[in-house]
Amino acid sequence: MKLKALAIACALGFAAPVFADNDTAKDVKDSAADAKDTVKDKTHSDSGMEKAGRKTDKATRDAKRSARHTKNHAKKKIHDETK
């Protein structure tokens, strides 16, 4: 029984990176959400609270995107310097 549980745990551990979003996928999702928000802004079809919520969400996406790119740039720079 313990061996079976160990095998399942190992299989899940090895499969986890397959299900994780990479930074490019996250950027694509963020860009799609930004485009959707831009369309809503241009049609003026929402209330002030919805618009404020979208602006907050967009600011959060922008901050996360910037942090991802900064992290990747730092990793690349360290990798290049340690070659």
N, C-alpha and C. Protein backbone atom coordinates (compact mmCIF):
# COMPACT_ATOMS: atom_id res chain seq x y z
N MET A 1 0.83 -1.19 0.00
CA MET A 1 0.00 0.00 0.00
C MET A 1 0.87 1.26 0.00
N LYS A 2 1.93 1.26 0.82
CA LYS A 2 2.81 2.43 0.90
C LYS A 2 3.55 2.63 -0.43
N LEU A 3 3.91 1.54 -1.07
CA LEU A 3 4.62 1.63 -2.34
C LEU A 3 3.72 2.23 -3.42
N LYS A 4 2.46 1.86 -3.38
CA LYS A 4 1.51 2.40 -4.35
C LYS A 4 1.33 3.91 -4.13
N ALA A 5 1.22 4.34 -2.89
CA ALA A 5 1.08 5.75 -2.57
C ALA A 5 2.32 6.53 -2.97
N LEU A 6 3.48 5.93 -2.76
CA LEU A 6 4.74 6.56 -3.15
C LEU A 6 4.82 6.72 -4.66
N ALA A 7 4.39 5.70 -5.39
CA ALA A 7 4.41 5.77 -6.85
C ALA A 7 3.47 6.86 -7.35
N ILE A 8 2.31 6.99 -6.75
CA ILE A 8 1.35 8.03 -7.15
C ILE A 8 1.91 9.41 -6.85
N ALA A 9 2.53 9.57 -5.69
CA ALA A 9 3.11 10.86 -5.31
C ALA A 9 4.24 11.25 -6.27
N CYS A 10 5.06 10.29 -6.64
CA CYS A 10 6.14 10.58 -7.60
C CYS A 10 5.59 10.96 -8.96
N ALA A 11 4.57 10.25 -9.39
CA ALA A 11 3.97 10.55 -10.70
C ALA A 11 3.39 11.96 -10.72
N LEU A 12 2.71 12.34 -9.66
CA LEU A 12 2.16 13.70 -9.58
C LEU A 12 3.27 14.74 -9.52
N GLY A 13 4.33 14.45 -8.81
CA GLY A 13 5.44 15.38 -8.71
C GLY A 13 6.13 15.61 -10.05
N PHE A 14 6.26 14.56 -10.82
CA PHE A 14 6.91 14.69 -12.13
C PHE A 14 5.98 15.34 -13.15
N ALA A 15 4.67 15.19 -12.96
CA ALA A 15 3.72 15.75 -13.91
C ALA A 15 3.38 17.21 -13.62
N ALA A 16 3.69 17.70 -12.44
CA ALA A 16 3.31 19.06 -12.04
C ALA A 16 3.84 20.14 -12.99
N PRO A 17 5.09 20.09 -13.44
CA PRO A 17 5.55 21.15 -14.35
C PRO A 17 4.78 21.21 -15.67
N VAL A 18 4.19 20.11 -16.08
CA VAL A 18 3.43 20.09 -17.32
C VAL A 18 2.19 20.97 -17.19
N PHE A 19 1.60 21.00 -16.00
CA PHE A 19 0.37 21.75 -15.78
C PHE A 19 0.63 23.20 -15.41
N ALA A 20 1.85 23.55 -15.07
CA ALA A 20 2.17 24.92 -14.68
C ALA A 20 2.24 25.82 -15.91
N ASP A 21 1.76 27.04 -15.75
CA ASP A 21 1.83 28.00 -16.85
C ASP A 21 3.24 28.58 -16.91
N ASN A 22 3.79 28.64 -18.09
CA ASN A 22 5.07 29.30 -18.24
C ASN A 22 4.82 30.80 -18.42
N ASP A 23 5.87 31.58 -18.39
CA ASP A 23 5.73 33.03 -18.44
C ASP A 23 5.12 33.50 -19.76
N THR A 24 5.42 32.83 -20.85
CA THR A 24 4.86 33.23 -22.14
C THR A 24 3.35 33.02 -22.14
N ALA A 25 2.89 31.91 -21.60
CA ALA A 25 1.46 31.65 -21.53
C ALA A 25 0.76 32.68 -20.65
N LYS A 26 1.40 33.05 -19.55
CA LYS A 26 0.84 34.08 -18.68
C LYS A 26 0.76 35.42 -19.40
N ASP A 27 1.79 35.75 -20.19
CA ASP A 27 1.76 37.00 -20.96
C ASP A 27 0.63 37.00 -21.98
N VAL A 28 0.39 35.86 -22.62
CA VAL A 28 -0.68 35.77 -23.60
C VAL A 28 -2.03 35.94 -22.93
N LYS A 29 -2.22 35.30 -21.77
CA LYS A 29 -3.48 35.45 -21.04
C LYS A 29 -3.69 36.90 -20.61
N ASP A 30 -2.63 37.53 -20.14
CA ASP A 30 -2.73 38.93 -19.73
C ASP A 30 -3.05 39.83 -20.91
N SER A 31 -2.44 39.59 -22.05
CA SER A 31 -2.72 40.39 -23.24
C SER A 31 -4.17 40.23 -23.70
N ALA A 32 -4.68 39.01 -23.61
CA ALA A 32 -6.08 38.77 -23.99
C ALA A 32 -7.02 39.51 -23.04
N ALA A 33 -6.72 39.47 -21.76
CA ALA A 33 -7.56 40.18 -20.79
C ALA A 33 -7.47 41.69 -21.01
N ASP A 34 -6.28 42.18 -21.33
CA ASP A 34 -6.13 43.61 -21.62
C ASP A 34 -6.94 44.02 -22.84
N ALA A 35 -6.94 43.19 -23.87
CA ALA A 35 -7.70 43.50 -25.08
C ALA A 35 -9.20 43.52 -24.78
N LYS A 36 -9.65 42.56 -23.99
CA LYS A 36 -11.07 42.52 -23.61
C LYS A 36 -11.45 43.77 -22.82
N ASP A 37 -10.58 44.18 -21.90
CA ASP A 37 -10.85 45.38 -21.12
C ASP A 37 -10.84 46.64 -21.98
N THR A 38 -9.97 46.69 -22.96
CA THR A 38 -9.91 47.84 -23.86
C THR A 38 -11.20 47.97 -24.66
N VAL A 39 -11.73 46.84 -25.12
CA VAL A 39 -12.99 46.86 -25.87
C VAL A 39 -14.12 47.37 -24.97
N LYS A 40 -14.17 46.91 -23.73
CA LYS A 40 -15.21 47.37 -22.82
C LYS A 40 -15.07 48.86 -22.55
N ASP A 41 -13.84 49.34 -22.44
CA ASP A 41 -13.63 50.77 -22.21
C ASP A 41 -14.12 51.60 -23.40
N LYS A 42 -13.88 51.12 -24.61
CA LYS A 42 -14.26 51.88 -25.80
C LYS A 42 -15.76 51.87 -26.06
N THR A 43 -16.46 50.83 -25.61
CA THR A 43 -17.90 50.77 -25.83
C THR A 43 -18.68 51.51 -24.74
N HIS A 44 -18.02 51.83 -23.63
CA HIS A 44 -18.66 52.54 -22.51
C HIS A 44 -19.95 51.84 -22.08
N SER A 45 -19.89 50.54 -21.96
CA SER A 45 -21.10 49.78 -21.65
C SER A 45 -21.12 49.24 -20.22
N ASP A 46 -20.48 49.95 -19.30
CA ASP A 46 -20.44 49.44 -17.94
C ASP A 46 -20.55 50.59 -16.94
N SER A 47 -20.75 50.21 -15.69
CA SER A 47 -20.87 51.20 -14.64
C SER A 47 -19.50 51.63 -14.15
N GLY A 48 -19.47 52.62 -13.29
CA GLY A 48 -18.22 53.13 -12.76
C GLY A 48 -17.47 52.11 -11.91
N MET A 49 -18.20 51.32 -11.14
CA MET A 49 -17.55 50.32 -10.28
C MET A 49 -16.90 49.22 -11.12
N GLU A 50 -17.54 48.80 -12.17
CA GLU A 50 -16.95 47.78 -13.03
C GLU A 50 -15.70 48.32 -13.70
N LYS A 51 -15.77 49.55 -14.13
CA LYS A 51 -14.62 50.17 -14.79
C LYS A 51 -13.45 50.31 -13.81
N ALA A 52 -13.75 50.71 -12.58
CA ALA A 52 -12.71 50.85 -11.57
C ALA A 52 -12.07 49.49 -11.26
N GLY A 53 -12.90 48.46 -11.21
CA GLY A 53 -12.38 47.11 -10.97
C GLY A 53 -11.48 46.65 -12.09
N ARG A 54 -11.88 46.94 -13.34
CA ARG A 54 -11.05 46.58 -14.48
C ARG A 54 -9.72 47.31 -14.45
N LYS A 55 -9.76 48.58 -14.10
CA LYS A 55 -8.52 49.37 -14.04
C LYS A 55 -7.58 48.79 -12.98
N THR A 56 -8.14 48.37 -11.86
CA THR A 56 -7.33 47.76 -10.81
C THR A 56 -6.74 46.44 -11.27
N ASP A 57 -7.57 45.63 -11.92
CA ASP A 57 -7.09 44.34 -12.43
C ASP A 57 -6.00 44.53 -13.46
N LYS A 58 -6.16 45.52 -14.34
CA LYS A 58 -5.15 45.78 -15.37
C LYS A 58 -3.84 46.24 -14.73
N ALA A 59 -3.93 47.09 -13.71
CA ALA A 59 -2.72 47.55 -13.02
C ALA A 59 -2.01 46.37 -12.36
N THR A 60 -2.77 45.46 -11.80
CA THR A 60 -2.18 44.27 -11.17
C THR A 60 -1.51 43.39 -12.22
N ARG A 61 -2.19 43.18 -13.36
CA ARG A 61 -1.59 42.38 -14.45
C ARG A 61 -0.30 43.03 -14.95
N ASP A 62 -0.32 44.35 -15.10
CA ASP A 62 0.87 45.05 -15.57
C ASP A 62 2.03 44.89 -14.59
N ALA A 63 1.73 44.98 -13.29
CA ALA A 63 2.78 44.83 -12.28
C ALA A 63 3.35 43.42 -12.29
N LYS A 64 2.47 42.43 -12.38
CA LYS A 64 2.93 41.04 -12.41
C LYS A 64 3.75 40.75 -13.67
N ARG A 65 3.30 41.29 -14.81
CA ARG A 65 4.04 41.11 -16.07
C ARG A 65 5.42 41.73 -15.96
N SER A 66 5.49 42.93 -15.41
CA SER A 66 6.77 43.61 -15.24
C SER A 66 7.70 42.82 -14.32
N ALA A 67 7.13 42.28 -13.24
CA ALA A 67 7.93 41.48 -12.30
C ALA A 67 8.46 40.22 -12.96
N ARG A 68 7.61 39.56 -13.78
CA ARG A 68 8.07 38.35 -14.49
C ARG A 68 9.20 38.67 -15.44
N HIS A 69 9.07 39.77 -16.17
CA HIS A 69 10.10 40.12 -17.14
C HIS A 69 11.39 40.52 -16.43
N THR A 70 11.29 41.23 -15.32
CA THR A 70 12.47 41.60 -14.55
C THR A 70 13.17 40.35 -14.00
N LYS A 71 12.38 39.41 -13.50
CA LYS A 71 12.93 38.16 -12.96
C LYS A 71 13.65 37.39 -14.06
N ASN A 72 13.01 37.28 -15.23
CA ASN A 72 13.62 36.54 -16.33
C ASN A 72 14.88 37.23 -16.84
N HIS A 73 14.86 38.55 -16.88
CA HIS A 73 16.04 39.30 -17.32
C HIS A 73 17.20 39.08 -16.35
N ALA A 74 16.90 39.10 -15.05
CA ALA A 74 17.95 38.88 -14.05
C ALA A 74 18.51 37.46 -14.16
N LYS A 75 17.62 36.48 -14.34
CA LYS A 75 18.08 35.09 -14.49
C LYS A 75 19.00 34.95 -15.70
N LYS A 76 18.59 35.58 -16.82
CA LYS A 76 19.38 35.49 -18.04
C LYS A 76 20.73 36.17 -17.86
N LYS A 77 20.74 37.30 -17.19
CA LYS A 77 21.98 38.03 -16.96
C LYS A 77 22.94 37.21 -16.09
N ILE A 78 22.40 36.62 -15.04
CA ILE A 78 23.25 35.77 -14.16
C ILE A 78 23.75 34.57 -14.94
N HIS A 79 22.90 33.96 -15.74
CA HIS A 79 23.30 32.78 -16.52
C HIS A 79 24.41 33.17 -17.51
N ASP A 80 24.25 34.33 -18.17
CA ASP A 80 25.26 34.76 -19.13
C ASP A 80 26.59 35.08 -18.46
N GLU A 81 26.55 35.64 -17.26
CA GLU A 81 27.79 36.02 -16.58
C GLU A 81 28.50 34.83 -15.97
N THR A 82 27.79 33.73 -15.73
CA THR A 82 28.42 32.57 -15.10
C THR A 82 28.82 31.51 -16.11
N LYS A 83 28.77 31.83 -17.39
CA LYS A 83 29.18 30.85 -18.40
C LYS A 83 30.66 30.67 -18.39
